[in-house]
Amino acid sequence: MSSPLVGAWEAVSDTDQGISVFTETHFSMVVMPKNRQRSEGSEPTPEEAMAAYRGVRALAGTYTISGSRATFKRVANLKAT
């Protein structure tokens, strides 16, 4: 049976935005603040790049579905600070 989560999903809230990608057995998610500071020029300065990196949250791993419940097992987890 195919997982109902398979595909790419846009994550949007009042404060964050990101994307989640699901295969039949694995997932990957990346989320960042909506109000993050954009770089002033065409290329970010090292300080601007680090500020953008610090706001990123990412995780990936495997998942299973049983009935209406999804259980996630994280293999990689990043919250840059």
Protein backbone atom coordinates (compact mmCIF):
# COMPACT_ATOMS: atom_id res chain seq x y z
CA MET A 1 0.00 0.00 0.00
CA SER A 2 1.35 3.41 -0.96
CA SER A 3 2.00 5.94 1.78
CA PRO A 4 -0.36 8.94 1.66
CA LEU A 5 2.61 11.18 2.52
CA VAL A 6 4.71 10.42 -0.58
CA GLY A 7 5.59 13.65 -2.36
CA ALA A 8 6.80 17.14 -1.57
CA TRP A 9 4.88 19.32 0.88
CA GLU A 10 5.24 23.03 1.54
CA ALA A 11 5.34 23.84 5.24
CA VAL A 12 3.87 27.24 6.11
CA SER A 13 3.00 28.80 9.46
CA ASP A 14 2.77 32.34 10.80
CA THR A 15 6.48 32.29 11.66
CA ASP A 16 8.17 29.58 9.51
CA GLN A 17 8.34 28.21 5.99
CA GLY A 18 9.97 25.14 4.52
CA ILE A 19 9.56 21.92 2.63
CA SER A 20 9.08 18.25 3.50
CA VAL A 21 9.85 15.44 1.07
CA PHE A 22 8.57 11.90 1.64
CA THR A 23 9.33 8.64 -0.16
CA GLU A 24 7.64 5.35 0.75
CA THR A 25 9.97 4.92 3.74
CA HIS A 26 12.07 8.07 4.26
CA PHE A 27 11.53 11.77 4.89
CA SER A 28 13.51 15.00 4.88
CA MET A 29 12.39 18.38 6.24
CA VAL A 30 13.96 21.85 6.13
CA VAL A 31 12.37 24.82 7.92
CA MET A 32 13.48 28.43 8.36
CA PRO A 33 11.98 31.63 9.76
CA LYS A 34 9.81 33.65 7.39
CA ASN A 35 11.19 36.94 8.63
CA ARG A 36 14.87 36.06 8.16
CA GLN A 37 17.13 38.86 7.00
CA ARG A 38 17.90 38.73 3.28
CA SER A 39 21.34 39.71 2.00
CA GLU A 40 21.75 43.24 0.71
CA GLY A 41 23.73 42.37 -2.42
CA SER A 42 23.71 39.58 -4.97
CA GLU A 43 26.12 37.54 -2.81
CA PRO A 44 25.74 37.32 0.97
CA THR A 45 28.56 38.50 3.19
CA PRO A 46 30.02 35.87 5.53
CA GLU A 47 28.02 37.42 8.38
CA GLU A 48 24.77 37.31 6.35
CA ALA A 49 25.43 33.69 5.36
CA MET A 50 25.99 32.67 9.00
CA ALA A 51 22.84 34.49 10.13
CA ALA A 52 20.81 32.61 7.49
CA TYR A 53 22.41 29.29 8.49
CA ARG A 54 21.64 29.82 12.18
CA GLY A 55 17.91 29.97 11.49
CA VAL A 56 17.72 26.65 9.63
CA ARG A 57 16.23 23.52 11.17
CA ALA A 58 16.53 20.26 9.23
CA LEU A 59 15.86 16.62 9.92
CA ALA A 60 15.69 13.38 8.01
CA GLY A 61 15.04 9.74 8.67
CA THR A 62 12.58 6.92 8.26
CA TYR A 63 8.90 6.67 9.10
CA THR A 64 6.11 4.14 9.34
CA ILE A 65 2.35 4.56 9.26
CA SER A 66 -0.05 2.48 11.31
CA GLY A 67 -3.68 3.45 10.88
CA SER A 68 -3.83 7.22 11.29
CA ARG A 69 -0.52 7.46 13.20
CA ALA A 70 2.88 8.27 11.67
CA THR A 71 5.98 7.34 13.66
CA PHE A 72 9.22 9.09 12.75
CA LYS A 73 12.76 7.86 13.46
CA ARG A 74 15.28 10.67 13.06
CA VAL A 75 18.60 9.72 11.48
CA ALA A 76 19.88 13.27 11.01
CA ASN A 77 18.85 16.34 12.97
CA LEU A 78 20.18 19.91 12.69
CA LYS A 79 19.21 23.03 14.56
CA ALA A 80 21.89 25.56 13.76
CA THR A 81 22.58 28.08 16.49
